[in-house]
Amino acid sequence: MKPRLDQALDLSEEILQNIEMEEIKLQSIIQKTLRLARLVNDMEAVEWVREEMKGFSRNETGKMTTAAWKSARKSNRIYYNKDLDGERAFTETVSVMEATIDALKMRMQAAQDPNVSVSSASTINPTIPNGNGYERGMAANEIRTYTGRIEKVKSSIYEYVFNLNFELKFSNITDDIFTRKRLLIDEKLTEISTEAVRRFVSVHENLRSTNAEDWANAVHSCRRILKDIADVLYPPMKEPVLAGERTIKIGEDQVINRLIQYVESKSSSNRYEELVGSHLKYLGERLDSVYGAANKGTHAEVSLEEAERYIIYTYLLIGDLLSL
């Protein structure tokens, strides 16, 4: 079975085609939209579409509930009644409106005027029987009213599905990009440092915690992972090296310096060196600040979002390093 998001993407494409090509009635489209909302776990949309399907709920006084009114507004069902000086909503379900239109079309067909011959040899003008024009006109007006209402609901359904379809496509694109990147990084990372892989597993466990200290520990692990990578790619040296016009240390603790030196030794692009180097410096400073606070026995203020960001930066930077 396809993953839920893949099913949702396929279903959203199907619904858009159903609407654009007018292939099926709107009531059937609404049923499909409910399935779509459930697939993406959009509970707000589920409640909205359920109101559309079953009819808008009312309280003990007969007035629409707050949830029903909210759903009616989302469905473009709200209109201003100048006689009552306020907003009102048409609440017939789509299935009722579609059935009413079908019945009105049948009534119009039955109300067609028969062909009547009025030829006569008499000098007196014959009486022409009254036609059913008025009845057909009334039916046509009702059809226009219900069709307009259905179109309002259809436009809201279309907008929801169209936007969701776009989000799902974008999600698939980013998922594909990150999946390819992840597979490449994981393969190379396993080859050069099983210890770094083990630390990433530990990082994942810390992120699942609700304890802020565990999030800080995840950040500490990122610093250790970078050191593991640096020890393999550019082992520490006691003697400093010349970088441009200045001398830099590349000892055991100068992890970022060593990684920058590795980039410079492997890359033929000055722009690439500058970009990766600046990212490494930024990440190194942030990781060192958290690490330094922990060494001083102070509490490092690290939110879950911040920890996740550092981990993503670390992972992607390692990917840049291993691609050289």
C-alpha atoms as a PDB file:
ATOM      1  CA  MET A   1       0.000   0.000   0.000  1.00  0.00           C
ATOM      2  CA  LYS A   2       1.220   3.498  -0.822  1.00  0.00           C
ATOM      3  CA  PRO A   3       2.216   5.826   2.020  1.00  0.00           C
ATOM      4  CA  ARG A   4      -0.633   8.031   3.216  1.00  0.00           C
ATOM      5  CA  LEU A   5       0.797  11.229   1.740  1.00  0.00           C
ATOM      6  CA  ASP A   6       1.247   9.569  -1.652  1.00  0.00           C
ATOM      7  CA  GLN A   7      -2.364   8.397  -1.492  1.00  0.00           C
ATOM      8  CA  ALA A   8      -3.408  11.935  -0.572  1.00  0.00           C
ATOM      9  CA  LEU A   9      -1.525  13.418  -3.524  1.00  0.00           C
ATOM     10  CA  ASP A  10      -3.147  10.975  -5.953  1.00  0.00           C
ATOM     11  CA  LEU A  11      -6.590  11.618  -4.478  1.00  0.00           C
ATOM     12  CA  SER A  12      -6.157  15.402  -4.634  1.00  0.00           C
ATOM     13  CA  GLU A  13      -5.235  15.128  -8.331  1.00  0.00           C
ATOM     14  CA  GLU A  14      -8.330  13.006  -8.909  1.00  0.00           C
ATOM     15  CA  ILE A  15     -10.609  15.485  -7.126  1.00  0.00           C
ATOM     16  CA  LEU A  16      -9.217  18.452  -9.060  1.00  0.00           C
ATOM     17  CA  GLN A  17      -9.847  16.614 -12.316  1.00  0.00           C
ATOM     18  CA  ASN A  18     -13.374  15.694 -11.199  1.00  0.00           C
ATOM     19  CA  ILE A  19     -14.130  19.374 -10.561  1.00  0.00           C
ATOM     20  CA  GLU A  20     -12.390  20.860 -13.587  1.00  0.00           C
ATOM     21  CA  MET A  21     -13.870  18.340 -16.039  1.00  0.00           C
ATOM     22  CA  GLU A  22     -17.270  18.271 -14.272  1.00  0.00           C
ATOM     23  CA  GLU A  23     -17.065  14.486 -14.207  1.00  0.00           C
ATOM     24  CA  ILE A  24     -19.189  13.775 -11.114  1.00  0.00           C
ATOM     25  CA  LYS A  25     -21.634  15.559  -8.843  1.00  0.00           C
ATOM     26  CA  LEU A  26     -20.322  17.793  -6.087  1.00  0.00           C
ATOM     27  CA  GLN A  27     -21.750  15.573  -3.332  1.00  0.00           C
ATOM     28  CA  SER A  28     -19.445  12.745  -4.462  1.00  0.00           C
ATOM     29  CA  ILE A  29     -16.527  15.194  -4.586  1.00  0.00           C
ATOM     30  CA  ILE A  30     -17.266  16.252  -1.005  1.00  0.00           C
ATOM     31  CA  GLN A  31     -17.124  12.606   0.096  1.00  0.00           C
ATOM     32  CA  LYS A  32     -13.717  12.269  -1.558  1.00  0.00           C
ATOM     33  CA  THR A  33     -12.565  15.491   0.098  1.00  0.00           C
ATOM     34  CA  LEU A  34     -13.460  14.065   3.508  1.00  0.00           C
ATOM     35  CA  ARG A  35     -11.250  11.076   2.745  1.00  0.00           C
ATOM     36  CA  LEU A  36      -8.472  13.446   1.646  1.00  0.00           C
ATOM     37  CA  ALA A  37      -8.676  15.470   4.863  1.00  0.00           C
ATOM     38  CA  ARG A  38      -8.469  12.266   6.905  1.00  0.00           C
ATOM     39  CA  LEU A  39      -5.420  11.068   4.959  1.00  0.00           C
ATOM     40  CA  VAL A  40      -3.477  14.228   5.809  1.00  0.00           C
ATOM     41  CA  ASN A  41      -4.874  14.284   9.358  1.00  0.00           C
ATOM     42  CA  ASP A  42      -6.412  17.741   8.876  1.00  0.00           C
ATOM     43  CA  MET A  43      -9.022  17.502  11.634  1.00  0.00           C
ATOM     44  CA  GLU A  44     -10.264  21.057  11.120  1.00  0.00           C
ATOM     45  CA  ALA A  45     -11.063  20.250   7.492  1.00  0.00           C
ATOM     46  CA  VAL A  46     -12.626  16.944   8.556  1.00  0.00           C
ATOM     47  CA  GLU A  47     -15.105  18.797  10.788  1.00  0.00           C
ATOM     48  CA  TRP A  48     -15.823  21.308   8.039  1.00  0.00           C
ATOM     49  CA  VAL A  49     -16.524  18.676   5.370  1.00  0.00           C
ATOM     50  CA  ARG A  50     -18.585  16.569   7.801  1.00  0.00           C
ATOM     51  CA  GLU A  51     -20.862  19.571   8.377  1.00  0.00           C
ATOM     52  CA  GLU A  52     -21.241  19.839   4.609  1.00  0.00           C
ATOM     53  CA  MET A  53     -22.146  16.185   4.269  1.00  0.00           C
ATOM     54  CA  LYS A  54     -24.562  15.673   7.164  1.00  0.00           C
ATOM     55  CA  GLY A  55     -26.116  19.137   7.326  1.00  0.00           C
ATOM     56  CA  PHE A  56     -25.210  22.027   9.579  1.00  0.00           C
ATOM     57  CA  SER A  57     -25.691  21.270  13.263  1.00  0.00           C
ATOM     58  CA  ARG A  58     -28.004  23.357  15.421  1.00  0.00           C
ATOM     59  CA  ASN A  59     -28.368  23.926  19.151  1.00  0.00           C
ATOM     60  CA  GLU A  60     -31.439  23.377  21.304  1.00  0.00           C
ATOM     61  CA  THR A  61     -32.921  26.713  20.196  1.00  0.00           C
ATOM     62  CA  GLY A  62     -32.663  25.776  16.541  1.00  0.00           C
ATOM     63  CA  LYS A  63     -29.803  28.143  15.761  1.00  0.00           C
ATOM     64  CA  MET A  64     -26.646  27.040  14.025  1.00  0.00           C
ATOM     65  CA  THR A  65     -23.816  26.089  16.366  1.00  0.00           C
ATOM     66  CA  THR A  66     -20.563  28.016  16.369  1.00  0.00           C
ATOM     67  CA  ALA A  67     -18.842  25.121  14.590  1.00  0.00           C
ATOM     68  CA  ALA A  68     -21.588  24.973  11.952  1.00  0.00           C
ATOM     69  CA  TRP A  69     -21.407  28.735  11.361  1.00  0.00           C
ATOM     70  CA  LYS A  70     -17.627  28.526  10.987  1.00  0.00           C
ATOM     71  CA  SER A  71     -17.998  25.698   8.472  1.00  0.00           C
ATOM     72  CA  ALA A  72     -20.692  27.599   6.552  1.00  0.00           C
ATOM     73  CA  ARG A  73     -18.384  30.598   6.268  1.00  0.00           C
ATOM     74  CA  LYS A  74     -15.561  28.390   4.994  1.00  0.00           C
ATOM     75  CA  SER A  75     -17.974  27.018   2.370  1.00  0.00           C
ATOM     76  CA  ASN A  76     -18.916  30.505   1.116  1.00  0.00           C
ATOM     77  CA  ARG A  77     -22.491  29.984   2.353  1.00  0.00           C
ATOM     78  CA  ILE A  78     -22.764  33.288   4.224  1.00  0.00           C
ATOM     79  CA  TYR A  79     -24.716  36.169   2.695  1.00  0.00           C
ATOM     80  CA  TYR A  80     -26.025  39.503   3.938  1.00  0.00           C
ATOM     81  CA  ASN A  81     -29.791  39.855   4.374  1.00  0.00           C
ATOM     82  CA  LYS A  82     -30.633  43.557   4.149  1.00  0.00           C
ATOM     83  CA  ASP A  83     -34.213  42.998   5.359  1.00  0.00           C
ATOM     84  CA  LEU A  84     -32.983  41.381   8.567  1.00  0.00           C
ATOM     85  CA  ASP A  85     -29.900  43.612   8.653  1.00  0.00           C
ATOM     86  CA  GLY A  86     -27.472  40.786   9.291  1.00  0.00           C
ATOM     87  CA  GLU A  87     -25.614  37.787   7.969  1.00  0.00           C
ATOM     88  CA  ARG A  88     -27.431  34.591   7.141  1.00  0.00           C
ATOM     89  CA  ALA A  89     -26.398  31.248   5.674  1.00  0.00           C
ATOM     90  CA  PHE A  90     -28.067  28.890   3.217  1.00  0.00           C
ATOM     91  CA  THR A  91     -27.896  25.476   4.845  1.00  0.00           C
ATOM     92  CA  GLU A  92     -29.343  22.989   2.353  1.00  0.00           C
ATOM     93  CA  THR A  93     -26.876  20.160   1.832  1.00  0.00           C
ATOM     94  CA  VAL A  94     -25.325  19.859  -1.598  1.00  0.00           C
ATOM     95  CA  SER A  95     -27.115  16.546  -2.158  1.00  0.00           C
ATOM     96  CA  VAL A  96     -30.489  18.223  -1.511  1.00  0.00           C
ATOM     97  CA  MET A  97     -29.667  21.140  -3.824  1.00  0.00           C
ATOM     98  CA  GLU A  98     -28.484  18.816  -6.596  1.00  0.00           C
ATOM     99  CA  ALA A  99     -31.632  16.678  -6.267  1.00  0.00           C
ATOM    100  CA  THR A 100     -33.777  19.825  -6.328  1.00  0.00           C
ATOM    101  CA  ILE A 101     -32.135  21.012  -9.539  1.00  0.00           C
ATOM    102  CA  ASP A 102     -32.770  17.604 -11.156  1.00  0.00           C
ATOM    103  CA  ALA A 103     -36.437  17.770 -10.113  1.00  0.00           C
ATOM    104  CA  LEU A 104     -36.795  21.325 -11.436  1.00  0.00           C
ATOM    105  CA  LYS A 105     -35.320  20.325 -14.788  1.00  0.00           C
ATOM    106  CA  MET A 106     -37.854  17.502 -15.027  1.00  0.00           C
ATOM    107  CA  ARG A 107     -40.641  19.964 -14.159  1.00  0.00           C
ATOM    108  CA  MET A 108     -39.475  22.317 -16.914  1.00  0.00           C
ATOM    109  CA  GLN A 109     -39.448  19.456 -19.386  1.00  0.00           C
ATOM    110  CA  ALA A 110     -42.981  18.474 -18.396  1.00  0.00           C
ATOM    111  CA  ALA A 111     -44.114  22.098 -18.654  1.00  0.00           C
ATOM    112  CA  GLN A 112     -43.202  22.445 -22.306  1.00  0.00           C
ATOM    113  CA  ASP A 113     -46.096  23.911 -24.300  1.00  0.00           C
ATOM    114  CA  PRO A 114     -47.676  21.492 -26.784  1.00  0.00           C
ATOM    115  CA  ASN A 115     -47.736  22.386 -30.468  1.00  0.00           C
ATOM    116  CA  VAL A 116     -51.144  23.914 -31.198  1.00  0.00           C
ATOM    117  CA  SER A 117     -52.500  24.643 -34.683  1.00  0.00           C
ATOM    118  CA  VAL A 118     -54.429  27.912 -34.814  1.00  0.00           C
ATOM    119  CA  SER A 119     -55.380  27.872 -38.499  1.00  0.00           C
ATOM    120  CA  SER A 120     -59.079  28.346 -39.146  1.00  0.00           C
ATOM    121  CA  ALA A 121     -61.438  29.252 -41.992  1.00  0.00           C
ATOM    122  CA  SER A 122     -63.464  31.336 -39.598  1.00  0.00           C
ATOM    123  CA  THR A 123     -63.215  35.111 -39.684  1.00  0.00           C
ATOM    124  CA  ILE A 124     -63.066  35.046 -35.874  1.00  0.00           C
ATOM    125  CA  ASN A 125     -59.574  34.835 -34.407  1.00  0.00           C
ATOM    126  CA  PRO A 126     -59.229  31.510 -32.582  1.00  0.00           C
ATOM    127  CA  THR A 127     -58.412  31.490 -28.868  1.00  0.00           C
ATOM    128  CA  ILE A 128     -54.810  30.536 -28.135  1.00  0.00           C
ATOM    129  CA  PRO A 129     -54.535  28.429 -24.964  1.00  0.00           C
ATOM    130  CA  ASN A 130     -52.416  29.781 -22.101  1.00  0.00           C
ATOM    131  CA  GLY A 131     -48.856  28.392 -22.097  1.00  0.00           C
ATOM    132  CA  ASN A 132     -46.649  27.243 -19.219  1.00  0.00           C
ATOM    133  CA  GLY A 133     -44.098  30.006 -19.637  1.00  0.00           C
ATOM    134  CA  TYR A 134     -44.602  31.368 -16.134  1.00  0.00           C
ATOM    135  CA  GLU A 135     -44.063  27.958 -14.540  1.00  0.00           C
ATOM    136  CA  ARG A 136     -40.931  27.370 -16.596  1.00  0.00           C
ATOM    137  CA  GLY A 137     -39.636  30.822 -15.681  1.00  0.00           C
ATOM    138  CA  MET A 138     -40.125  30.135 -11.976  1.00  0.00           C
ATOM    139  CA  ALA A 139     -38.306  26.799 -12.285  1.00  0.00           C
ATOM    140  CA  ALA A 140     -35.461  28.426 -14.217  1.00  0.00           C
ATOM    141  CA  ASN A 141     -35.044  31.069 -11.495  1.00  0.00           C
ATOM    142  CA  GLU A 142     -34.863  28.393  -8.814  1.00  0.00           C
ATOM    143  CA  ILE A 143     -32.321  26.442 -10.833  1.00  0.00           C
ATOM    144  CA  ARG A 144     -30.141  29.549 -11.127  1.00  0.00           C
ATOM    145  CA  THR A 145     -30.384  30.141  -7.380  1.00  0.00           C
ATOM    146  CA  TYR A 146     -29.403  26.593  -6.409  1.00  0.00           C
ATOM    147  CA  THR A 147     -26.709  26.397  -9.093  1.00  0.00           C
ATOM    148  CA  GLY A 148     -25.162  29.599  -7.768  1.00  0.00           C
ATOM    149  CA  ARG A 149     -25.141  28.202  -4.247  1.00  0.00           C
ATOM    150  CA  ILE A 150     -23.585  24.945  -5.365  1.00  0.00           C
ATOM    151  CA  GLU A 151     -20.890  26.868  -7.237  1.00  0.00           C
ATOM    152  CA  LYS A 152     -20.028  28.783  -4.061  1.00  0.00           C
ATOM    153  CA  VAL A 153     -19.516  25.541  -2.158  1.00  0.00           C
ATOM    154  CA  LYS A 154     -17.628  24.025  -5.080  1.00  0.00           C
ATOM    155  CA  SER A 155     -15.220  26.955  -5.180  1.00  0.00           C
ATOM    156  CA  SER A 156     -14.387  26.482  -1.476  1.00  0.00           C
ATOM    157  CA  ILE A 157     -13.779  22.754  -1.971  1.00  0.00           C
ATOM    158  CA  TYR A 158     -11.652  23.432  -5.032  1.00  0.00           C
ATOM    159  CA  GLU A 159      -9.553  26.038  -3.222  1.00  0.00           C
ATOM    160  CA  TYR A 160      -8.897  23.678  -0.290  1.00  0.00           C
ATOM    161  CA  VAL A 161      -7.931  20.736  -2.514  1.00  0.00           C
ATOM    162  CA  PHE A 162      -5.847  22.918  -4.854  1.00  0.00           C
ATOM    163  CA  ASN A 163      -3.804  24.388  -1.983  1.00  0.00           C
ATOM    164  CA  LEU A 164      -3.365  20.983  -0.356  1.00  0.00           C
ATOM    165  CA  ASN A 165      -2.289  19.484  -3.679  1.00  0.00           C
ATOM    166  CA  PHE A 166       0.389  22.179  -3.987  1.00  0.00           C
ATOM    167  CA  GLU A 167       1.616  21.536  -0.423  1.00  0.00           C
ATOM    168  CA  LEU A 168       1.791  17.781  -1.040  1.00  0.00           C
ATOM    169  CA  LYS A 169       3.750  18.259  -4.260  1.00  0.00           C
ATOM    170  CA  PHE A 170       6.190  20.611  -2.538  1.00  0.00           C
ATOM    171  CA  SER A 171       6.542  18.141   0.332  1.00  0.00           C
ATOM    172  CA  ASN A 172       7.328  15.343  -2.124  1.00  0.00           C
ATOM    173  CA  ILE A 173       9.974  17.465  -3.838  1.00  0.00           C
ATOM    174  CA  THR A 174      11.731  18.311  -0.579  1.00  0.00           C
ATOM    175  CA  ASP A 175      11.377  14.725   0.642  1.00  0.00           C
ATOM    176  CA  ASP A 176      13.012  13.462  -2.557  1.00  0.00           C
ATOM    177  CA  ILE A 177      15.876  15.941  -2.233  1.00  0.00           C
ATOM    178  CA  PHE A 178      16.550  15.174   1.418  1.00  0.00           C
ATOM    179  CA  THR A 179      16.148  11.431   0.882  1.00  0.00           C
ATOM    180  CA  ARG A 180      18.804  11.424  -1.837  1.00  0.00           C
ATOM    181  CA  LYS A 181      21.054  13.600   0.310  1.00  0.00           C
ATOM    182  CA  ARG A 182      20.477  11.450   3.393  1.00  0.00           C
ATOM    183  CA  LEU A 183      21.241   8.173   1.610  1.00  0.00           C
ATOM    184  CA  LEU A 184      24.493   9.598   0.266  1.00  0.00           C
ATOM    185  CA  ILE A 185      25.573  11.021   3.625  1.00  0.00           C
ATOM    186  CA  ASP A 186      24.625   7.877   5.555  1.00  0.00           C
ATOM    187  CA  GLU A 187      26.582   5.657   3.196  1.00  0.00           C
ATOM    188  CA  LYS A 188      29.757   7.742   3.374  1.00  0.00           C
ATOM    189  CA  LEU A 189      29.424   8.413   7.084  1.00  0.00           C
ATOM    190  CA  THR A 190      29.203   4.696   7.830  1.00  0.00           C
ATOM    191  CA  GLU A 191      32.369   4.115   5.818  1.00  0.00           C
ATOM    192  CA  ILE A 192      34.527   6.646   7.654  1.00  0.00           C
ATOM    193  CA  SER A 193      33.152   6.727  11.217  1.00  0.00           C
ATOM    194  CA  THR A 194      30.830   4.206  12.842  1.00  0.00           C
ATOM    195  CA  GLU A 195      31.280   6.224  16.064  1.00  0.00           C
ATOM    196  CA  ALA A 196      29.670   9.273  14.427  1.00  0.00           C
ATOM    197  CA  VAL A 197      26.752   7.110  13.318  1.00  0.00           C
ATOM    198  CA  ARG A 198      26.329   5.831  16.854  1.00  0.00           C
ATOM    199  CA  ARG A 199      26.307   9.386  18.180  1.00  0.00           C
ATOM    200  CA  PHE A 200      23.595  10.386  15.696  1.00  0.00           C
ATOM    201  CA  VAL A 201      21.453   7.552  17.050  1.00  0.00           C
ATOM    202  CA  SER A 202      21.996   8.932  20.538  1.00  0.00           C
ATOM    203  CA  VAL A 203      21.064  12.414  19.306  1.00  0.00           C
ATOM    204  CA  HIS A 204      17.769  11.068  17.982  1.00  0.00           C
ATOM    205  CA  GLU A 205      16.942   9.523  21.337  1.00  0.00           C
ATOM    206  CA  ASN A 206      17.693  12.793  23.145  1.00  0.00           C
ATOM    207  CA  LEU A 207      15.419  14.738  20.817  1.00  0.00           C
ATOM    208  CA  ARG A 208      12.509  12.459  21.665  1.00  0.00           C
ATOM    209  CA  SER A 209      12.814  13.515  25.305  1.00  0.00           C
ATOM    210  CA  THR A 210      10.747  16.265  26.938  1.00  0.00           C
ATOM    211  CA  ASN A 211      13.704  17.260  29.116  1.00  0.00           C
ATOM    212  CA  ALA A 212      15.643  20.395  28.075  1.00  0.00           C
ATOM    213  CA  GLU A 213      18.884  18.899  29.420  1.00  0.00           C
ATOM    214  CA  ASP A 214      18.583  16.056  26.930  1.00  0.00           C
ATOM    215  CA  TRP A 215      18.221  18.598  24.112  1.00  0.00           C
ATOM    216  CA  ALA A 216      21.437  20.263  25.295  1.00  0.00           C
ATOM    217  CA  ASN A 217      23.097  16.824  25.347  1.00  0.00           C
ATOM    218  CA  ALA A 218      22.030  16.363  21.735  1.00  0.00           C
ATOM    219  CA  VAL A 219      23.847  19.591  20.873  1.00  0.00           C
ATOM    220  CA  HIS A 220      26.946  18.381  22.783  1.00  0.00           C
ATOM    221  CA  SER A 221      26.826  15.219  20.674  1.00  0.00           C
ATOM    222  CA  CYS A 222      26.936  17.331  17.514  1.00  0.00           C
ATOM    223  CA  ARG A 223      30.211  18.829  18.711  1.00  0.00           C
ATOM    224  CA  ARG A 224      31.606  15.339  19.336  1.00  0.00           C
ATOM    225  CA  ILE A 225      30.397  14.163  15.922  1.00  0.00           C
ATOM    226  CA  LEU A 226      32.263  17.011  14.209  1.00  0.00           C
ATOM    227  CA  LYS A 227      35.389  16.019  16.152  1.00  0.00           C
ATOM    228  CA  ASP A 228      34.999  12.390  15.072  1.00  0.00           C
ATOM    229  CA  ILE A 229      34.782  13.543  11.440  1.00  0.00           C
ATOM    230  CA  ALA A 230      37.695  15.965  11.795  1.00  0.00           C
ATOM    231  CA  ASP A 231      39.905  13.234  13.343  1.00  0.00           C
ATOM    232  CA  VAL A 232      39.375  11.133  10.217  1.00  0.00           C
ATOM    233  CA  LEU A 233      39.445  13.827   7.523  1.00  0.00           C
ATOM    234  CA  TYR A 234      42.151  16.085   8.991  1.00  0.00           C
ATOM    235  CA  PRO A 235      43.892  14.557  12.032  1.00  0.00           C
ATOM    236  CA  PRO A 236      45.281  16.950  14.654  1.00  0.00           C
ATOM    237  CA  MET A 237      48.841  18.228  14.422  1.00  0.00           C
ATOM    238  CA  LYS A 238      51.010  19.787  17.095  1.00  0.00           C
ATOM    239  CA  GLU A 239      52.492  22.393  14.809  1.00  0.00           C
ATOM    240  CA  PRO A 240      50.275  25.241  13.528  1.00  0.00           C
ATOM    241  CA  VAL A 241      49.833  25.867   9.808  1.00  0.00           C
ATOM    242  CA  LEU A 242      49.893  28.987   7.689  1.00  0.00           C
ATOM    243  CA  ALA A 243      46.470  30.025   6.417  1.00  0.00           C
ATOM    244  CA  GLY A 244      46.856  33.024   4.141  1.00  0.00           C
ATOM    245  CA  GLU A 245      48.762  35.616   6.102  1.00  0.00           C
ATOM    246  CA  ARG A 246      48.122  34.170   9.521  1.00  0.00           C
ATOM    247  CA  THR A 247      49.056  31.075  11.471  1.00  0.00           C
ATOM    248  CA  ILE A 248      46.315  28.871  12.940  1.00  0.00           C
ATOM    249  CA  LYS A 249      46.397  26.001  15.375  1.00  0.00           C
ATOM    250  CA  ILE A 250      45.137  22.617  14.248  1.00  0.00           C
ATOM    251  CA  GLY A 251      45.533  20.635  17.450  1.00  0.00           C
ATOM    252  CA  GLU A 252      43.168  18.210  19.166  1.00  0.00           C
ATOM    253  CA  ASP A 253      40.674  20.868  20.237  1.00  0.00           C
ATOM    254  CA  GLN A 254      40.779  23.008  17.076  1.00  0.00           C
ATOM    255  CA  VAL A 255      38.040  21.000  15.362  1.00  0.00           C
ATOM    256  CA  ILE A 256      36.594  23.761  13.208  1.00  0.00           C
ATOM    257  CA  ASN A 257      40.045  24.950  12.117  1.00  0.00           C
ATOM    258  CA  ARG A 258      40.912  21.435  11.002  1.00  0.00           C
ATOM    259  CA  LEU A 259      37.670  21.026   9.054  1.00  0.00           C
ATOM    260  CA  ILE A 260      38.160  24.374   7.323  1.00  0.00           C
ATOM    261  CA  GLN A 261      41.684  23.344   6.388  1.00  0.00           C
ATOM    262  CA  TYR A 262      40.280  20.114   4.975  1.00  0.00           C
ATOM    263  CA  VAL A 263      37.817  22.070   2.797  1.00  0.00           C
ATOM    264  CA  GLU A 264      40.591  24.333   1.533  1.00  0.00           C
ATOM    265  CA  SER A 265      42.770  21.335   0.691  1.00  0.00           C
ATOM    266  CA  LYS A 266      40.016  19.559  -1.244  1.00  0.00           C
ATOM    267  CA  SER A 267      37.931  22.250  -2.919  1.00  0.00           C
ATOM    268  CA  SER A 268      38.903  24.039  -6.120  1.00  0.00           C
ATOM    269  CA  SER A 269      36.182  26.655  -5.625  1.00  0.00           C
ATOM    270  CA  ASN A 270      36.996  29.714  -3.536  1.00  0.00           C
ATOM    271  CA  ARG A 271      33.282  30.464  -3.221  1.00  0.00           C
ATOM    272  CA  TYR A 272      32.582  26.963  -1.918  1.00  0.00           C
ATOM    273  CA  GLU A 273      35.419  27.268   0.611  1.00  0.00           C
ATOM    274  CA  GLU A 274      34.075  30.619   1.782  1.00  0.00           C
ATOM    275  CA  LEU A 275      30.496  29.362   2.098  1.00  0.00           C
ATOM    276  CA  VAL A 276      31.255  26.097   3.911  1.00  0.00           C
ATOM    277  CA  GLY A 277      33.889  27.792   6.024  1.00  0.00           C
ATOM    278  CA  SER A 278      31.468  30.480   7.220  1.00  0.00           C
ATOM    279  CA  HIS A 279      28.868  27.807   8.044  1.00  0.00           C
ATOM    280  CA  LEU A 280      31.443  25.827   9.992  1.00  0.00           C
ATOM    281  CA  LYS A 281      32.544  28.895  11.956  1.00  0.00           C
ATOM    282  CA  TYR A 282      28.970  29.839  12.822  1.00  0.00           C
ATOM    283  CA  LEU A 283      28.039  26.319  13.883  1.00  0.00           C
ATOM    284  CA  GLY A 284      31.285  25.894  15.824  1.00  0.00           C
ATOM    285  CA  GLU A 285      30.682  29.100  17.789  1.00  0.00           C
ATOM    286  CA  ARG A 286      27.136  28.085  18.690  1.00  0.00           C
ATOM    287  CA  LEU A 287      28.133  24.560  19.718  1.00  0.00           C
ATOM    288  CA  ASP A 288      31.072  25.880  21.747  1.00  0.00           C
ATOM    289  CA  SER A 289      28.820  28.308  23.609  1.00  0.00           C
ATOM    290  CA  VAL A 290      26.511  25.483  24.703  1.00  0.00           C
ATOM    291  CA  TYR A 291      29.483  23.264  25.533  1.00  0.00           C
ATOM    292  CA  GLY A 292      31.200  26.041  27.488  1.00  0.00           C
ATOM    293  CA  ALA A 293      28.091  26.732  29.559  1.00  0.00           C
ATOM    294  CA  ALA A 294      27.858  23.060  30.486  1.00  0.00           C
ATOM    295  CA  ASN A 295      31.531  22.968  31.548  1.00  0.00           C
ATOM    296  CA  LYS A 296      30.933  25.931  33.861  1.00  0.00           C
ATOM    297  CA  GLY A 297      28.037  24.104  35.492  1.00  0.00           C
ATOM    298  CA  THR A 298      25.479  26.608  34.239  1.00  0.00           C
ATOM    299  CA  HIS A 299      22.230  25.700  32.556  1.00  0.00           C
ATOM    300  CA  ALA A 300      22.418  25.968  28.777  1.00  0.00           C
ATOM    301  CA  GLU A 301      19.191  27.415  27.433  1.00  0.00           C
ATOM    302  CA  VAL A 302      18.526  25.190  24.443  1.00  0.00           C
ATOM    303  CA  SER A 303      15.006  24.834  23.050  1.00  0.00           C
ATOM    304  CA  LEU A 304      13.932  21.765  21.109  1.00  0.00           C
ATOM    305  CA  GLU A 305      13.644  23.831  17.942  1.00  0.00           C
ATOM    306  CA  GLU A 306      17.163  25.207  18.407  1.00  0.00           C
ATOM    307  CA  ALA A 307      18.595  21.756  19.079  1.00  0.00           C
ATOM    308  CA  GLU A 308      16.932  20.374  15.967  1.00  0.00           C
ATOM    309  CA  ARG A 309      18.345  23.242  13.911  1.00  0.00           C
ATOM    310  CA  TYR A 310      21.919  22.610  15.129  1.00  0.00           C
ATOM    311  CA  ILE A 311      21.566  18.915  14.364  1.00  0.00           C
ATOM    312  CA  ILE A 312      20.301  19.602  10.843  1.00  0.00           C
ATOM    313  CA  TYR A 313      23.143  22.073  10.256  1.00  0.00           C
ATOM    314  CA  THR A 314      25.661  19.515  11.524  1.00  0.00           C
ATOM    315  CA  TYR A 315      24.254  16.769   9.334  1.00  0.00           C
ATOM    316  CA  LEU A 316      24.184  18.884   6.171  1.00  0.00           C
ATOM    317  CA  LEU A 317      27.662  20.265   6.796  1.00  0.00           C
ATOM    318  CA  ILE A 318      28.996  16.749   7.166  1.00  0.00           C
ATOM    319  CA  GLY A 319      27.340  16.005   3.815  1.00  0.00           C
ATOM    320  CA  ASP A 320      29.196  18.962   2.255  1.00  0.00           C
ATOM    321  CA  LEU A 321      32.473  17.744   3.745  1.00  0.00           C
ATOM    322  CA  LEU A 322      32.016  14.162   2.588  1.00  0.00           C
ATOM    323  CA  SER A 323      31.107  15.275  -0.954  1.00  0.00           C
ATOM    324  CA  LEU A 324      34.585  16.712  -1.506  1.00  0.00           C
END
